[in-house]
Amino acid sequence: MNFKSKAVVQLLNRIQVGTLYLKTPDQKILKFEGKNEPCKIIADLQLKDWQVFSRVLERGDVGFGECFIEGLWNSDDISNLLTFVVLNKESLDSVIHGNRFFYFLELLLITLDSTQKLMQKKISNFTMTSAMIFTELG
């Protein structure tokens, strides 16, 4: 479970209404019960890949929908799952609308990775050029 998935699990611990059974990619079942009215709605979410939570934090409900289309999650009753999300809107608000912090963190990591690759390429080119010069001189 990555950092972003842990963040979503922490948010699920704050739900107020209903019960969610989360089946993780490694087949464990996690149960999240609302502090008020845990029996009002019972829903399930079956994850096939932890990246679902990463994409949800980055892109909110759009990322969640994209992951469904890609077959990365399922539910025995999608209607109950969506009702559960709506009833817990306040607790899950940053997940539903995406989290700009994670979006900018992702951009930063991509930028740093690109910069690192560019530096490695420049060092490699410098090394090759130096080797060619020493070969010609030697």
C-alpha atoms as a PDB file:
ATOM      1  CA  MET A   1       0.000   0.000   0.000  1.00  0.00           C
ATOM      2  CA  ASN A   2       1.512   3.315  -1.074  1.00  0.00           C
ATOM      3  CA  PHE A   3       1.378   6.677   0.709  1.00  0.00           C
ATOM      4  CA  LYS A   4      -1.680   7.886  -1.218  1.00  0.00           C
ATOM      5  CA  SER A   5      -3.590   4.681  -0.508  1.00  0.00           C
ATOM      6  CA  LYS A   6      -2.841   5.071   3.198  1.00  0.00           C
ATOM      7  CA  ALA A   7      -4.195   8.634   3.024  1.00  0.00           C
ATOM      8  CA  VAL A   8      -7.499   7.400   1.537  1.00  0.00           C
ATOM      9  CA  VAL A   9      -7.760   4.646   4.155  1.00  0.00           C
ATOM     10  CA  GLN A  10      -7.320   7.313   6.849  1.00  0.00           C
ATOM     11  CA  LEU A  11     -10.170   9.300   5.275  1.00  0.00           C
ATOM     12  CA  LEU A  12     -12.354   6.185   5.236  1.00  0.00           C
ATOM     13  CA  ASN A  13     -11.785   5.877   8.983  1.00  0.00           C
ATOM     14  CA  ARG A  14     -13.624   9.210   9.346  1.00  0.00           C
ATOM     15  CA  ILE A  15     -16.880   8.222   7.656  1.00  0.00           C
ATOM     16  CA  GLN A  16     -20.063   9.147   9.482  1.00  0.00           C
ATOM     17  CA  VAL A  17     -22.783   7.017   7.868  1.00  0.00           C
ATOM     18  CA  GLY A  18     -22.960   3.429   6.691  1.00  0.00           C
ATOM     19  CA  THR A  19     -20.467   0.614   6.390  1.00  0.00           C
ATOM     20  CA  LEU A  20     -17.934  -0.036   3.651  1.00  0.00           C
ATOM     21  CA  TYR A  21     -16.251  -3.367   3.048  1.00  0.00           C
ATOM     22  CA  LEU A  22     -13.020  -2.813   1.139  1.00  0.00           C
ATOM     23  CA  LYS A  23     -11.414  -5.807  -0.536  1.00  0.00           C
ATOM     24  CA  THR A  24      -7.756  -4.957  -1.115  1.00  0.00           C
ATOM     25  CA  PRO A  25      -5.654  -6.144  -4.072  1.00  0.00           C
ATOM     26  CA  ASP A  26      -4.065  -8.741  -1.755  1.00  0.00           C
ATOM     27  CA  GLN A  27      -7.579 -10.064  -0.930  1.00  0.00           C
ATOM     28  CA  LYS A  28      -7.816  -8.674   2.620  1.00  0.00           C
ATOM     29  CA  ILE A  29     -11.175  -7.305   3.737  1.00  0.00           C
ATOM     30  CA  LEU A  30     -11.137  -3.989   5.593  1.00  0.00           C
ATOM     31  CA  LYS A  31     -14.308  -2.790   7.302  1.00  0.00           C
ATOM     32  CA  PHE A  32     -15.113   0.894   7.796  1.00  0.00           C
ATOM     33  CA  GLU A  33     -18.123   1.778   9.955  1.00  0.00           C
ATOM     34  CA  GLY A  34     -19.690   5.184  10.262  1.00  0.00           C
ATOM     35  CA  LYS A  35     -19.768   6.749  13.701  1.00  0.00           C
ATOM     36  CA  ASN A  36     -23.456   7.596  13.218  1.00  0.00           C
ATOM     37  CA  GLU A  37     -25.893   5.136  11.661  1.00  0.00           C
ATOM     38  CA  PRO A  38     -23.458   2.403  10.543  1.00  0.00           C
ATOM     39  CA  CYS A  39     -26.372   0.300   9.244  1.00  0.00           C
ATOM     40  CA  LYS A  40     -27.960   3.019   7.072  1.00  0.00           C
ATOM     41  CA  ILE A  41     -26.144   1.826   3.915  1.00  0.00           C
ATOM     42  CA  ILE A  42     -23.813  -1.109   3.371  1.00  0.00           C
ATOM     43  CA  ALA A  43     -21.460  -0.966   0.407  1.00  0.00           C
ATOM     44  CA  ASP A  44     -18.454  -2.801  -0.929  1.00  0.00           C
ATOM     45  CA  LEU A  45     -15.456  -1.826  -3.029  1.00  0.00           C
ATOM     46  CA  GLN A  46     -13.171  -4.417  -4.578  1.00  0.00           C
ATOM     47  CA  LEU A  47      -9.774  -3.022  -5.559  1.00  0.00           C
ATOM     48  CA  LYS A  48      -7.684  -4.810  -8.141  1.00  0.00           C
ATOM     49  CA  ASP A  49      -4.834  -2.287  -7.859  1.00  0.00           C
ATOM     50  CA  TRP A  50      -3.818   0.250  -5.214  1.00  0.00           C
ATOM     51  CA  GLN A  51      -3.283   2.852  -7.949  1.00  0.00           C
ATOM     52  CA  VAL A  52      -7.049   3.457  -7.804  1.00  0.00           C
ATOM     53  CA  PHE A  53      -6.580   5.479  -4.615  1.00  0.00           C
ATOM     54  CA  SER A  54      -3.626   7.380  -6.078  1.00  0.00           C
ATOM     55  CA  ARG A  55      -5.680   8.373  -9.091  1.00  0.00           C
ATOM     56  CA  VAL A  56      -8.677   9.269  -6.932  1.00  0.00           C
ATOM     57  CA  LEU A  57      -6.545  11.623  -4.835  1.00  0.00           C
ATOM     58  CA  GLU A  58      -5.099  13.202  -7.967  1.00  0.00           C
ATOM     59  CA  ARG A  59      -8.256  13.423 -10.087  1.00  0.00           C
ATOM     60  CA  GLY A  60     -11.169  12.898  -7.699  1.00  0.00           C
ATOM     61  CA  ASP A  61     -14.366  11.324  -9.009  1.00  0.00           C
ATOM     62  CA  VAL A  62     -13.066  11.530 -12.592  1.00  0.00           C
ATOM     63  CA  GLY A  63     -10.074   9.364 -11.648  1.00  0.00           C
ATOM     64  CA  PHE A  64     -12.413   6.956  -9.867  1.00  0.00           C
ATOM     65  CA  GLY A  65     -14.572   6.656 -12.992  1.00  0.00           C
ATOM     66  CA  GLU A  66     -11.549   6.164 -15.229  1.00  0.00           C
ATOM     67  CA  CYS A  67     -10.304   3.365 -12.985  1.00  0.00           C
ATOM     68  CA  PHE A  68     -13.705   1.657 -13.184  1.00  0.00           C
ATOM     69  CA  ILE A  69     -13.630   1.777 -16.989  1.00  0.00           C
ATOM     70  CA  GLU A  70     -10.107   0.315 -16.896  1.00  0.00           C
ATOM     71  CA  GLY A  71     -11.336  -2.532 -14.665  1.00  0.00           C
ATOM     72  CA  LEU A  72      -9.235  -1.558 -11.653  1.00  0.00           C
ATOM     73  CA  TRP A  73     -12.141  -1.731  -9.199  1.00  0.00           C
ATOM     74  CA  ASN A  74     -15.598  -3.240  -8.907  1.00  0.00           C
ATOM     75  CA  SER A  75     -18.551  -3.439  -6.533  1.00  0.00           C
ATOM     76  CA  ASP A  76     -21.393  -5.912  -6.024  1.00  0.00           C
ATOM     77  CA  ASP A  77     -23.761  -2.937  -5.913  1.00  0.00           C
ATOM     78  CA  ILE A  78     -22.454   0.271  -7.488  1.00  0.00           C
ATOM     79  CA  SER A  79     -25.647   2.102  -6.529  1.00  0.00           C
ATOM     80  CA  ASN A  80     -25.005   1.388  -2.828  1.00  0.00           C
ATOM     81  CA  LEU A  81     -21.363   2.401  -3.208  1.00  0.00           C
ATOM     82  CA  LEU A  82     -22.255   5.742  -4.788  1.00  0.00           C
ATOM     83  CA  THR A  83     -24.961   6.339  -2.165  1.00  0.00           C
ATOM     84  CA  PHE A  84     -22.373   5.602   0.531  1.00  0.00           C
ATOM     85  CA  VAL A  85     -20.017   8.184  -1.020  1.00  0.00           C
ATOM     86  CA  VAL A  86     -22.785  10.816  -1.222  1.00  0.00           C
ATOM     87  CA  LEU A  87     -23.852  10.232   2.403  1.00  0.00           C
ATOM     88  CA  ASN A  88     -20.228  10.669   3.499  1.00  0.00           C
ATOM     89  CA  LYS A  89     -19.496  13.623   1.242  1.00  0.00           C
ATOM     90  CA  GLU A  90     -18.098  15.823   4.012  1.00  0.00           C
ATOM     91  CA  SER A  91     -15.739  13.114   5.267  1.00  0.00           C
ATOM     92  CA  LEU A  92     -14.571  12.220   1.752  1.00  0.00           C
ATOM     93  CA  ASP A  93     -14.625  15.676   0.168  1.00  0.00           C
ATOM     94  CA  SER A  94     -10.903  15.817  -0.671  1.00  0.00           C
ATOM     95  CA  VAL A  95     -11.185  12.406  -2.340  1.00  0.00           C
ATOM     96  CA  ILE A  96     -14.314  13.286  -4.320  1.00  0.00           C
ATOM     97  CA  HIS A  97     -12.844  16.500  -5.725  1.00  0.00           C
ATOM     98  CA  GLY A  98      -9.221  15.459  -5.911  1.00  0.00           C
ATOM     99  CA  ASN A  99      -6.465  16.893  -3.806  1.00  0.00           C
ATOM    100  CA  ARG A 100      -4.347  19.674  -5.296  1.00  0.00           C
ATOM    101  CA  PHE A 101      -1.504  18.837  -2.907  1.00  0.00           C
ATOM    102  CA  PHE A 102      -1.116  15.362  -4.406  1.00  0.00           C
ATOM    103  CA  TYR A 103      -1.512  16.739  -7.935  1.00  0.00           C
ATOM    104  CA  PHE A 104       1.322  19.241  -7.402  1.00  0.00           C
ATOM    105  CA  LEU A 105       3.422  16.643  -5.588  1.00  0.00           C
ATOM    106  CA  GLU A 106       3.042  14.364  -8.609  1.00  0.00           C
ATOM    107  CA  LEU A 107       4.077  17.204 -10.964  1.00  0.00           C
ATOM    108  CA  LEU A 108       7.096  17.930  -8.781  1.00  0.00           C
ATOM    109  CA  LEU A 109       8.180  14.282  -8.805  1.00  0.00           C
ATOM    110  CA  ILE A 110       7.791  14.099 -12.594  1.00  0.00           C
ATOM    111  CA  THR A 111       9.826  17.293 -12.992  1.00  0.00           C
ATOM    112  CA  LEU A 112      12.567  16.025 -10.680  1.00  0.00           C
ATOM    113  CA  ASP A 113      12.661  12.689 -12.520  1.00  0.00           C
ATOM    114  CA  SER A 114      12.924  14.466 -15.893  1.00  0.00           C
ATOM    115  CA  THR A 115      15.695  16.718 -14.565  1.00  0.00           C
ATOM    116  CA  GLN A 116      17.583  13.717 -13.199  1.00  0.00           C
ATOM    117  CA  LYS A 117      17.324  11.893 -16.545  1.00  0.00           C
ATOM    118  CA  LEU A 118      18.493  15.007 -18.402  1.00  0.00           C
ATOM    119  CA  MET A 119      21.511  15.322 -16.077  1.00  0.00           C
ATOM    120  CA  GLN A 120      22.363  11.638 -16.556  1.00  0.00           C
ATOM    121  CA  LYS A 121      22.195  12.095 -20.331  1.00  0.00           C
ATOM    122  CA  LYS A 122      24.497  15.142 -20.176  1.00  0.00           C
ATOM    123  CA  ILE A 123      26.988  13.246 -17.991  1.00  0.00           C
ATOM    124  CA  SER A 124      26.864  10.298 -20.383  1.00  0.00           C
ATOM    125  CA  ASN A 125      27.452  12.578 -23.387  1.00  0.00           C
ATOM    126  CA  PHE A 126      30.334  14.291 -21.563  1.00  0.00           C
ATOM    127  CA  THR A 127      31.881  10.914 -20.723  1.00  0.00           C
ATOM    128  CA  MET A 128      31.576   9.717 -24.329  1.00  0.00           C
ATOM    129  CA  THR A 129      33.052  12.970 -25.655  1.00  0.00           C
ATOM    130  CA  SER A 130      35.944  12.776 -23.193  1.00  0.00           C
ATOM    131  CA  ALA A 131      36.630   9.162 -24.170  1.00  0.00           C
ATOM    132  CA  MET A 132      36.675  10.107 -27.867  1.00  0.00           C
ATOM    133  CA  ILE A 133      39.123  12.983 -27.242  1.00  0.00           C
ATOM    134  CA  PHE A 134      41.471  10.803 -25.180  1.00  0.00           C
ATOM    135  CA  THR A 135      41.322   8.085 -27.865  1.00  0.00           C
ATOM    136  CA  GLU A 136      42.290  10.576 -30.560  1.00  0.00           C
ATOM    137  CA  LEU A 137      45.089  12.015 -28.420  1.00  0.00           C
ATOM    138  CA  GLY A 138      46.370   8.667 -27.245  1.00  0.00           C
END
